[in-house]
Amino acid sequence: MSDPHHAEDAVTAKVMRRLLPFLLLMYVLAFLDRANIGFAQKALQQDTGLSNAAFAFGAGIFFVGYALFEVPSNLLLHRVGAKLWMCRIMVTWGLVSAAMAFAHSTTTFYVLRFLLGVAEAGFFPGIVYYLTRWFPQSARARALGVFYFGAPLAFIFGGPLSGLLLDLHGALGFAGWQWLFLVEGGLASIVGVWAFWYLDNEPSKARWLTSDERTLLSARIESDARAASSHGPHSVLAALVDVRVLILSAVYFLIQIAVYGVIFYLPQQVSALLGTKVGLKVGLVTAIPWICAVVVTWIVPRYADASGLHRRLAVLMLLVAGVGIAVSGLASQPVVSMIALCFAASCFIGAQPLFWTFPTRYLAGAAAAAGIALINSLGSLGGFVAPMLRTAVEAAYASKSAGLVALGAASVLAALVIVVFVRQPKAAEFARAKPAKAS
């Protein structure tokens, strides 16, 4: 008789090979459309006359639209299925992102950034929820870890791509920053159409799985969902007011302050370290911290799944990220600053797949769709606060490094909130039953 655990591992590996590369491509494009504003900043401001304060507000207002429509978007995904809703999300955000090429006034810049957030709302929590429909709890951190490669890969490949597009300045009468938005937005819409034909809503609908594989995986996912719902909220409303959900929202808010406070200004920070303008060279150097992040995000979630130390590792990584961000601004040597950025990027990216295993241990069904969306919605407001916080602190202390210290403090505070308020998840509640010993 075949080992059921081996069969489960085999079908999980098959699902990973089928789904994760495509989901990763989607996330690369999503993150690229969020972060390319940092590459376009200087050229955009020169052509449009945007002030630093106006740029910071416009960069952040994306997250207001994103947060407002996050929960309803995820509930619609739960109702109509991922393939249709992910197609809608990607096509519309790609079109709005491409329209950023024509943001020649402050008002247009604000409106398009807000609409970009509305269009993309539900993408990330939708993917997290979608993964709970395909991966058992025992493999979820690994799956999320691979998905999170999207952020560093967006910079590894997207950084040089963005720099190259900026260097196309003047081609066909378009500025470099216009090429940046047109090309990267167009790619998102194309992949969105592809998603409709490629994705399946759940294992029972996957023709690329055998009948036995569909039955095995569906049963395992359903078992985990029952375990989660037995000690979590059972309805959408209950999930939205659950204290644990609100605490995790606060943690994610602090993490996103650190993440986007660095990401939005990383090209300019590296440009200053190198003493050159933002272009292909800066794009290549900017990729270095994200290469480190890929390695860490590959290793740590796997170790966490094997050891069950998700919470401790998340705390450690957030602490290291906070110190790294601060040191990158305080260090007087460019090499030291780059090393600190490598630690910071690796740890604030690597900590996030561990973080998302916390809510998925007690949220299932529609409650999971709502709760995950609320955490991401409220947490994403950190991306709205981050550029304005950094700008305000830098102005108050007349120091670029002061803003980075404030961002590092947000990461450290996130770690402390986890230590105090987030209980250690009980991995045993989701452990696979051990086979009975032969008599």
Protein backbone atom coordinates (compact mmCIF):
# COMPACT_ATOMS: atom_id res chain seq x y z
CA MET A 1 0.00 0.00 0.00
CA SER A 2 1.36 3.39 -0.92
CA ASP A 3 2.23 5.89 1.80
CA PRO A 4 -0.54 8.56 1.94
CA HIS A 5 1.97 11.14 3.15
CA HIS A 6 4.17 10.47 0.13
CA ALA A 7 1.13 10.79 -2.14
CA GLU A 8 0.21 14.12 -0.54
CA ASP A 9 3.75 15.43 -0.92
CA ALA A 10 3.76 14.34 -4.57
CA VAL A 11 0.51 16.09 -5.45
CA THR A 12 1.57 19.21 -3.52
CA ALA A 13 4.81 19.31 -5.50
CA LYS A 14 2.82 18.93 -8.73
CA VAL A 15 0.57 21.86 -7.78
CA MET A 16 3.63 23.96 -6.93
CA ARG A 17 5.15 23.28 -10.36
CA ARG A 18 1.89 24.16 -12.10
CA LEU A 19 0.66 27.22 -10.20
CA LEU A 20 3.54 28.97 -8.48
CA PRO A 21 5.58 30.04 -11.54
CA PHE A 22 2.50 31.71 -13.04
CA LEU A 23 1.40 33.31 -9.75
CA LEU A 24 4.98 34.48 -9.32
CA LEU A 25 4.89 36.15 -12.74
CA MET A 26 1.67 37.90 -11.74
CA TYR A 27 3.20 39.18 -8.50
CA VAL A 28 6.36 40.36 -10.25
CA LEU A 29 4.21 42.54 -12.50
CA ALA A 30 2.10 43.73 -9.55
CA PHE A 31 5.15 44.73 -7.54
CA LEU A 32 6.77 46.31 -10.57
CA ASP A 33 3.70 48.48 -11.13
CA ARG A 34 3.91 49.59 -7.49
CA ALA A 35 7.64 50.20 -7.38
CA ASN A 36 8.27 51.74 -10.82
CA ILE A 37 7.13 55.08 -9.45
CA GLY A 38 10.47 55.17 -7.59
CA PHE A 39 12.40 54.79 -10.85
CA ALA A 40 10.28 57.40 -12.61
CA GLN A 41 10.43 59.91 -9.74
CA LYS A 42 13.16 62.33 -10.83
CA ALA A 43 12.25 62.43 -14.52
CA LEU A 44 8.53 62.64 -13.74
CA GLN A 45 9.08 65.53 -11.34
CA GLN A 46 11.28 67.40 -13.79
CA ASP A 47 8.72 67.11 -16.61
CA THR A 48 5.60 67.78 -14.55
CA GLY A 49 6.86 70.08 -11.81
CA LEU A 50 5.67 67.82 -8.99
CA SER A 51 7.07 68.83 -5.61
CA ASN A 52 8.56 66.28 -3.21
CA ALA A 53 5.49 66.54 -1.00
CA ALA A 54 3.13 66.07 -3.96
CA PHE A 55 5.10 63.05 -5.12
CA ALA A 56 5.02 61.51 -1.63
CA PHE A 57 1.25 62.04 -1.39
CA GLY A 58 0.65 60.64 -4.88
CA ALA A 59 2.88 57.63 -4.25
CA GLY A 60 0.98 56.90 -1.07
CA ILE A 61 -2.59 57.59 -2.20
CA PHE A 62 -2.43 54.35 -4.21
CA PHE A 63 -2.85 52.53 -0.90
CA VAL A 64 -5.98 54.49 0.04
CA GLY A 65 -7.84 53.24 -3.03
CA TYR A 66 -6.32 49.82 -2.46
CA ALA A 67 -7.47 49.67 1.16
CA LEU A 68 -11.02 50.93 0.51
CA PHE A 69 -11.82 48.21 -2.04
CA GLU A 70 -9.75 45.35 -0.65
CA VAL A 71 -12.43 43.48 1.33
CA PRO A 72 -15.25 43.73 -1.26
CA SER A 73 -12.82 42.69 -3.99
CA ASN A 74 -11.74 39.57 -2.08
CA LEU A 75 -15.34 38.64 -1.29
CA LEU A 76 -16.13 38.89 -5.00
CA LEU A 77 -13.17 36.64 -5.75
CA HIS A 78 -14.56 34.13 -3.24
CA ARG A 79 -17.92 34.28 -5.03
CA VAL A 80 -16.96 34.28 -8.73
CA GLY A 81 -13.63 32.45 -8.62
CA ALA A 82 -10.01 33.41 -9.02
CA LYS A 83 -9.62 32.97 -12.77
CA LEU A 84 -12.25 35.56 -13.67
CA TRP A 85 -11.45 38.02 -10.89
CA MET A 86 -7.67 37.90 -11.28
CA CYS A 87 -8.13 38.53 -14.99
CA ARG A 88 -10.27 41.60 -14.20
CA ILE A 89 -7.79 42.91 -11.64
CA MET A 90 -4.71 42.59 -13.85
CA VAL A 91 -6.28 43.95 -17.03
CA THR A 92 -7.67 47.05 -15.31
CA TRP A 93 -4.56 47.82 -13.29
CA GLY A 94 -2.42 47.40 -16.40
CA LEU A 95 -4.54 49.90 -18.31
CA VAL A 96 -4.45 52.45 -15.47
CA SER A 97 -0.71 51.98 -15.02
CA ALA A 98 -0.15 52.59 -18.73
CA ALA A 99 -2.29 55.74 -18.47
CA MET A 100 0.26 57.07 -15.94
CA ALA A 101 2.35 57.92 -19.01
CA PHE A 102 0.00 60.88 -19.49
CA ALA A 103 0.03 62.16 -15.89
CA HIS A 104 1.20 65.66 -16.79
CA SER A 105 -0.44 67.46 -13.87
CA THR A 106 -0.60 67.00 -10.12
CA THR A 107 -4.34 66.31 -10.19
CA THR A 108 -4.03 63.68 -12.91
CA PHE A 109 -1.15 62.08 -11.00
CA TYR A 110 -3.26 61.86 -7.83
CA VAL A 111 -6.33 60.51 -9.63
CA LEU A 112 -4.45 57.82 -11.56
CA ARG A 113 -2.51 56.67 -8.50
CA PHE A 114 -5.78 56.37 -6.56
CA LEU A 115 -7.45 54.49 -9.44
CA LEU A 116 -4.44 52.19 -9.70
CA GLY A 117 -5.01 51.22 -6.06
CA VAL A 118 -8.72 50.62 -6.73
CA ALA A 119 -7.92 48.47 -9.77
CA GLU A 120 -5.34 46.35 -7.95
CA ALA A 121 -7.39 45.98 -4.75
CA GLY A 122 -7.82 42.34 -3.83
CA PHE A 123 -4.86 41.05 -5.83
CA PHE A 124 -2.50 40.15 -3.00
CA PRO A 125 -5.04 38.91 -0.42
CA GLY A 126 -6.80 37.15 -3.27
CA ILE A 127 -3.64 35.18 -4.02
CA VAL A 128 -3.09 34.39 -0.32
CA TYR A 129 -6.67 33.13 -0.09
CA TYR A 130 -6.28 31.26 -3.39
CA LEU A 131 -3.22 29.44 -2.02
CA THR A 132 -5.28 28.24 0.97
CA ARG A 133 -7.55 26.53 -1.58
CA TRP A 134 -4.62 24.62 -3.09
CA PHE A 135 -2.01 24.01 -0.38
CA PRO A 136 -2.37 22.27 2.98
CA GLN A 137 -1.17 24.13 6.06
CA SER A 138 1.96 21.96 6.21
CA ALA A 139 3.15 23.38 2.87
CA ARG A 140 1.72 26.87 3.02
CA ALA A 141 4.79 28.81 4.19
CA ARG A 142 6.84 27.24 1.38
CA ALA A 143 4.18 28.16 -1.19
CA LEU A 144 3.92 31.70 0.15
CA GLY A 145 7.71 31.93 0.22
CA VAL A 146 7.94 31.10 -3.49
CA PHE A 147 5.14 33.58 -4.24
CA TYR A 148 7.02 36.25 -2.30
CA PHE A 149 9.91 35.87 -4.73
CA GLY A 150 7.83 38.26 -6.80
CA ALA A 151 8.98 41.28 -4.81
CA PRO A 152 12.75 40.72 -5.12
CA LEU A 153 12.44 39.40 -8.69
CA ALA A 154 10.57 42.57 -9.64
CA PHE A 155 13.74 44.45 -8.74
CA ILE A 156 16.26 41.90 -10.00
CA PHE A 157 14.74 41.93 -13.48
CA GLY A 158 12.45 44.94 -13.23
CA GLY A 159 15.14 47.28 -11.93
CA PRO A 160 17.36 46.90 -14.99
CA LEU A 161 14.24 46.87 -17.23
CA SER A 162 12.99 50.10 -15.67
CA GLY A 163 16.42 51.68 -16.01
CA LEU A 164 16.62 50.57 -19.65
CA LEU A 165 13.17 52.01 -20.42
CA LEU A 166 14.18 55.31 -18.81
CA ASP A 167 17.18 55.35 -21.14
CA LEU A 168 14.75 55.25 -24.11
CA HIS A 169 14.06 58.92 -23.44
CA GLY A 170 12.99 60.62 -26.68
CA ALA A 171 12.20 57.46 -28.65
CA LEU A 172 9.07 57.99 -30.77
CA GLY A 173 8.58 61.28 -28.99
CA PHE A 174 7.99 59.76 -25.54
CA ALA A 175 9.97 60.51 -22.40
CA GLY A 176 11.74 57.62 -20.66
CA TRP A 177 9.32 57.63 -17.73
CA GLN A 178 6.41 57.39 -20.20
CA TRP A 179 7.94 54.29 -21.81
CA LEU A 180 8.30 52.86 -18.30
CA PHE A 181 4.57 53.07 -17.55
CA LEU A 182 3.38 52.10 -21.04
CA VAL A 183 5.45 48.93 -21.33
CA GLU A 184 5.07 47.64 -17.78
CA GLY A 185 1.34 48.43 -17.68
CA GLY A 186 0.80 46.71 -21.01
CA LEU A 187 2.57 43.57 -19.79
CA ALA A 188 0.22 43.35 -16.77
CA SER A 189 -2.89 43.47 -18.98
CA ILE A 190 -1.55 40.77 -21.30
CA VAL A 191 -0.79 38.41 -18.42
CA GLY A 192 -4.23 39.16 -16.96
CA VAL A 193 -5.93 37.79 -20.07
CA TRP A 194 -3.64 34.76 -19.92
CA ALA A 195 -4.66 34.16 -16.27
CA PHE A 196 -8.28 33.57 -17.28
CA TRP A 197 -7.25 30.62 -19.45
CA TYR A 198 -4.50 29.27 -17.19
CA LEU A 199 -5.90 29.28 -13.64
CA ASP A 200 -8.38 26.83 -12.11
CA ASN A 201 -10.53 27.93 -9.18
CA GLU A 202 -9.93 24.84 -7.01
CA PRO A 203 -8.43 21.33 -7.16
CA SER A 204 -11.75 19.68 -8.07
CA LYS A 205 -11.78 21.68 -11.34
CA ALA A 206 -8.16 20.93 -12.33
CA ARG A 207 -8.03 18.65 -15.36
CA TRP A 208 -4.23 18.47 -15.06
CA LEU A 209 -4.66 16.47 -11.81
CA THR A 210 -5.75 12.84 -11.84
CA SER A 211 -9.03 11.87 -10.19
CA ASP A 212 -7.17 10.39 -7.19
CA GLU A 213 -5.03 13.52 -6.86
CA ARG A 214 -8.09 15.79 -6.94
CA THR A 215 -9.79 13.70 -4.25
CA LEU A 216 -6.71 13.54 -2.01
CA LEU A 217 -5.91 17.25 -2.22
CA SER A 218 -9.53 18.37 -1.81
CA ALA A 219 -9.91 16.19 1.30
CA ARG A 220 -6.71 17.55 2.84
CA ILE A 221 -7.66 21.17 2.16
CA GLU A 222 -11.12 20.57 3.61
CA SER A 223 -9.60 18.97 6.71
CA ASP A 224 -7.39 22.02 7.28
CA ALA A 225 -10.37 24.34 6.73
CA ARG A 226 -12.37 22.48 9.40
CA ALA A 227 -9.43 22.72 11.81
CA ALA A 228 -9.11 26.45 11.16
CA SER A 229 -12.83 27.18 11.53
CA SER A 230 -13.03 25.22 14.77
CA HIS A 231 -11.10 27.92 16.64
CA GLY A 232 -11.64 30.99 14.45
CA PRO A 233 -14.48 33.29 13.33
CA HIS A 234 -17.15 31.61 11.20
CA SER A 235 -18.63 34.59 9.36
CA VAL A 236 -17.45 37.60 7.38
CA LEU A 237 -18.59 40.05 10.08
CA ALA A 238 -16.98 38.03 12.87
CA ALA A 239 -13.69 37.98 10.95
CA LEU A 240 -13.77 41.74 10.41
CA VAL A 241 -14.06 42.47 14.15
CA ASP A 242 -11.87 39.62 15.42
CA VAL A 243 -9.20 40.98 17.81
CA ARG A 244 -6.53 38.68 16.37
CA VAL A 245 -7.25 39.97 12.87
CA LEU A 246 -6.97 43.58 14.05
CA ILE A 247 -3.68 42.91 15.86
CA LEU A 248 -2.24 41.25 12.77
CA SER A 249 -3.45 44.23 10.73
CA ALA A 250 -1.41 46.50 13.00
CA VAL A 251 1.67 44.27 12.59
CA TYR A 252 1.31 44.26 8.82
CA PHE A 253 0.81 48.05 8.83
CA LEU A 254 4.17 48.49 10.56
CA ILE A 255 5.88 46.05 8.21
CA GLN A 256 4.56 47.89 5.17
CA ILE A 257 5.80 51.23 6.51
CA ALA A 258 9.29 49.75 6.57
CA VAL A 259 8.95 48.01 3.19
CA TYR A 260 7.52 50.85 1.12
CA GLY A 261 9.47 53.57 2.88
CA VAL A 262 12.54 51.83 1.50
CA ILE A 263 11.17 50.66 -1.88
CA PHE A 264 9.75 53.98 -3.09
CA TYR A 265 13.10 55.70 -2.59
CA LEU A 266 15.57 52.85 -3.12
CA PRO A 267 16.61 53.88 -6.66
CA GLN A 268 17.31 57.41 -5.43
CA GLN A 269 19.21 56.07 -2.39
CA VAL A 270 21.39 53.85 -4.58
CA SER A 271 21.82 56.71 -7.06
CA ALA A 272 23.18 58.90 -4.26
CA LEU A 273 25.52 56.13 -3.08
CA LEU A 274 26.90 55.70 -6.61
CA GLY A 275 26.93 59.41 -7.39
CA THR A 276 25.13 58.92 -10.71
CA LYS A 277 21.66 59.41 -12.20
CA VAL A 278 19.00 56.71 -12.16
CA GLY A 279 19.44 54.51 -15.22
CA LEU A 280 20.62 51.03 -16.17
CA LYS A 281 23.65 51.13 -13.83
CA VAL A 282 21.51 52.06 -10.82
CA GLY A 283 18.95 49.45 -11.85
CA LEU A 284 21.63 46.73 -11.86
CA VAL A 285 23.05 47.72 -8.46
CA THR A 286 19.55 48.02 -7.01
CA ALA A 287 19.03 44.36 -7.90
CA ILE A 288 21.74 43.19 -5.46
CA PRO A 289 19.68 43.38 -2.22
CA TRP A 290 16.83 41.54 -3.95
CA ILE A 291 19.09 38.69 -5.08
CA CYS A 292 19.93 38.24 -1.39
CA ALA A 293 16.21 38.37 -0.59
CA VAL A 294 15.46 35.53 -3.04
CA VAL A 295 17.99 33.28 -1.32
CA VAL A 296 16.68 34.05 2.17
CA THR A 297 13.03 33.71 1.13
CA TRP A 298 13.79 30.31 -0.39
CA ILE A 299 15.54 28.97 2.72
CA VAL A 300 13.71 30.43 5.72
CA PRO A 301 10.06 29.40 4.98
CA ARG A 302 11.22 25.84 4.30
CA TYR A 303 13.06 25.74 7.61
CA ALA A 304 10.02 27.24 9.33
CA ASP A 305 7.69 24.57 7.90
CA ALA A 306 10.12 21.84 8.99
CA SER A 307 10.73 23.23 12.49
CA GLY A 308 7.43 24.98 13.28
CA LEU A 309 9.34 28.11 14.35
CA HIS A 310 7.38 30.54 12.17
CA ARG A 311 6.81 33.07 14.95
CA ARG A 312 10.37 33.16 16.30
CA LEU A 313 11.87 33.44 12.85
CA ALA A 314 9.45 36.22 11.88
CA VAL A 315 10.43 38.22 14.99
CA LEU A 316 14.15 37.72 14.37
CA MET A 317 13.92 38.75 10.73
CA LEU A 318 11.91 41.88 11.48
CA LEU A 319 14.47 42.93 14.09
CA VAL A 320 17.35 42.43 11.64
CA ALA A 321 15.41 44.29 8.93
CA GLY A 322 14.88 47.25 11.25
CA VAL A 323 18.56 47.47 12.14
CA GLY A 324 19.56 47.07 8.49
CA ILE A 325 17.30 49.91 7.33
CA ALA A 326 18.66 52.27 10.00
CA VAL A 327 22.31 51.36 9.34
CA SER A 328 21.85 51.89 5.57
CA GLY A 329 21.14 55.55 6.33
CA LEU A 330 23.64 56.07 9.14
CA ALA A 331 26.67 54.38 7.56
CA SER A 332 29.26 56.71 6.03
CA GLN A 333 30.65 54.10 3.63
CA PRO A 334 28.59 53.16 0.52
CA VAL A 335 29.66 49.50 0.79
CA VAL A 336 28.39 49.29 4.38
CA SER A 337 25.12 50.92 3.33
CA MET A 338 24.64 48.38 0.53
CA ILE A 339 25.37 45.45 2.86
CA ALA A 340 22.83 46.85 5.34
CA LEU A 341 20.25 47.18 2.55
CA CYS A 342 20.90 43.54 1.61
CA PHE A 343 20.10 42.45 5.18
CA ALA A 344 17.08 44.75 5.33
CA ALA A 345 15.53 43.63 2.03
CA SER A 346 16.21 39.95 2.73
CA CYS A 347 14.59 40.08 6.12
CA PHE A 348 11.52 42.26 5.50
CA ILE A 349 10.69 40.17 2.43
CA GLY A 350 11.50 36.82 4.07
CA ALA A 351 9.45 37.62 7.18
CA GLN A 352 6.20 38.14 5.29
CA PRO A 353 5.42 34.56 4.14
CA LEU A 354 5.94 33.55 7.78
CA PHE A 355 3.54 36.30 8.88
CA TRP A 356 0.76 35.08 6.57
CA THR A 357 0.78 31.63 8.16
CA PHE A 358 -0.62 33.22 11.35
CA PRO A 359 -4.10 34.23 10.09
CA THR A 360 -4.51 31.21 7.79
CA ARG A 361 -4.33 28.90 10.82
CA TYR A 362 -7.70 30.05 12.11
CA LEU A 363 -9.49 31.61 9.11
CA ALA A 364 -11.35 29.54 6.51
CA GLY A 365 -13.96 30.04 3.78
CA ALA A 366 -15.60 33.45 3.45
CA ALA A 367 -14.15 34.43 6.85
CA ALA A 368 -10.68 33.83 5.41
CA ALA A 369 -11.46 35.91 2.32
CA ALA A 370 -12.65 38.78 4.52
CA GLY A 371 -10.06 38.50 7.29
CA ILE A 372 -7.05 38.19 4.98
CA ALA A 373 -8.35 41.12 2.92
CA LEU A 374 -8.83 43.28 6.01
CA ILE A 375 -5.31 42.54 7.28
CA ASN A 376 -3.86 43.42 3.91
CA SER A 377 -6.17 46.41 3.52
CA LEU A 378 -5.35 48.07 6.85
CA GLY A 379 -1.76 46.95 6.65
CA SER A 380 -1.32 48.40 3.18
CA LEU A 381 -2.13 51.84 4.55
CA GLY A 382 1.44 51.64 5.81
CA GLY A 383 2.40 52.21 2.19
CA PHE A 384 0.39 55.44 2.27
CA VAL A 385 1.97 56.59 5.52
CA ALA A 386 5.55 55.54 4.68
CA PRO A 387 6.61 58.17 2.11
CA MET A 388 5.00 61.02 4.05
CA LEU A 389 6.49 59.78 7.34
CA ARG A 390 9.93 59.54 5.81
CA THR A 391 9.64 62.97 4.17
CA ALA A 392 8.36 64.59 7.39
CA VAL A 393 11.09 63.08 9.59
CA GLU A 394 13.81 64.04 7.12
CA ALA A 395 12.48 67.61 7.04
CA ALA A 396 12.12 67.81 10.83
CA TYR A 397 15.69 66.65 11.50
CA ALA A 398 17.21 68.02 8.26
CA SER A 399 18.71 64.58 7.74
CA LYS A 400 18.17 61.83 5.15
CA SER A 401 19.30 59.21 7.65
CA ALA A 402 16.62 60.22 10.18
CA GLY A 403 13.88 59.03 7.85
CA LEU A 404 15.52 55.61 7.49
CA VAL A 405 15.91 55.30 11.27
CA ALA A 406 12.16 55.94 11.63
CA LEU A 407 11.41 53.22 9.06
CA GLY A 408 13.71 50.81 10.88
CA ALA A 409 11.92 51.57 14.14
CA ALA A 410 8.61 50.55 12.52
CA SER A 411 10.04 47.11 11.68
CA VAL A 412 11.37 46.66 15.22
CA LEU A 413 7.99 47.68 16.66
CA ALA A 414 6.27 45.09 14.43
CA ALA A 415 8.52 42.41 15.93
CA LEU A 416 7.68 43.55 19.47
CA VAL A 417 3.92 43.45 18.79
CA ILE A 418 4.27 39.85 17.58
CA VAL A 419 6.20 38.93 20.74
CA VAL A 420 3.57 40.47 23.03
CA PHE A 421 0.26 39.83 21.26
CA VAL A 422 0.58 37.02 18.69
CA ARG A 423 0.48 33.57 20.23
CA GLN A 424 2.62 30.75 18.90
CA PRO A 425 0.54 28.94 16.26
CA LYS A 426 -0.24 25.37 17.19
CA ALA A 427 1.21 23.48 14.28
CA ALA A 428 -0.02 20.22 15.81
CA GLU A 429 -3.60 21.23 15.06
CA PHE A 430 -2.78 20.85 11.37
CA ALA A 431 -0.25 18.03 11.60
CA ARG A 432 -0.79 15.12 9.30
CA ALA A 433 -2.02 12.05 11.08
CA LYS A 434 0.76 9.53 11.64
CA PRO A 435 0.18 6.09 10.20
CA ALA A 436 -0.81 3.51 12.74
CA LYS A 437 1.91 1.13 13.83
CA ALA A 438 1.60 -2.42 12.63
CA SER A 439 0.39 -4.74 15.34
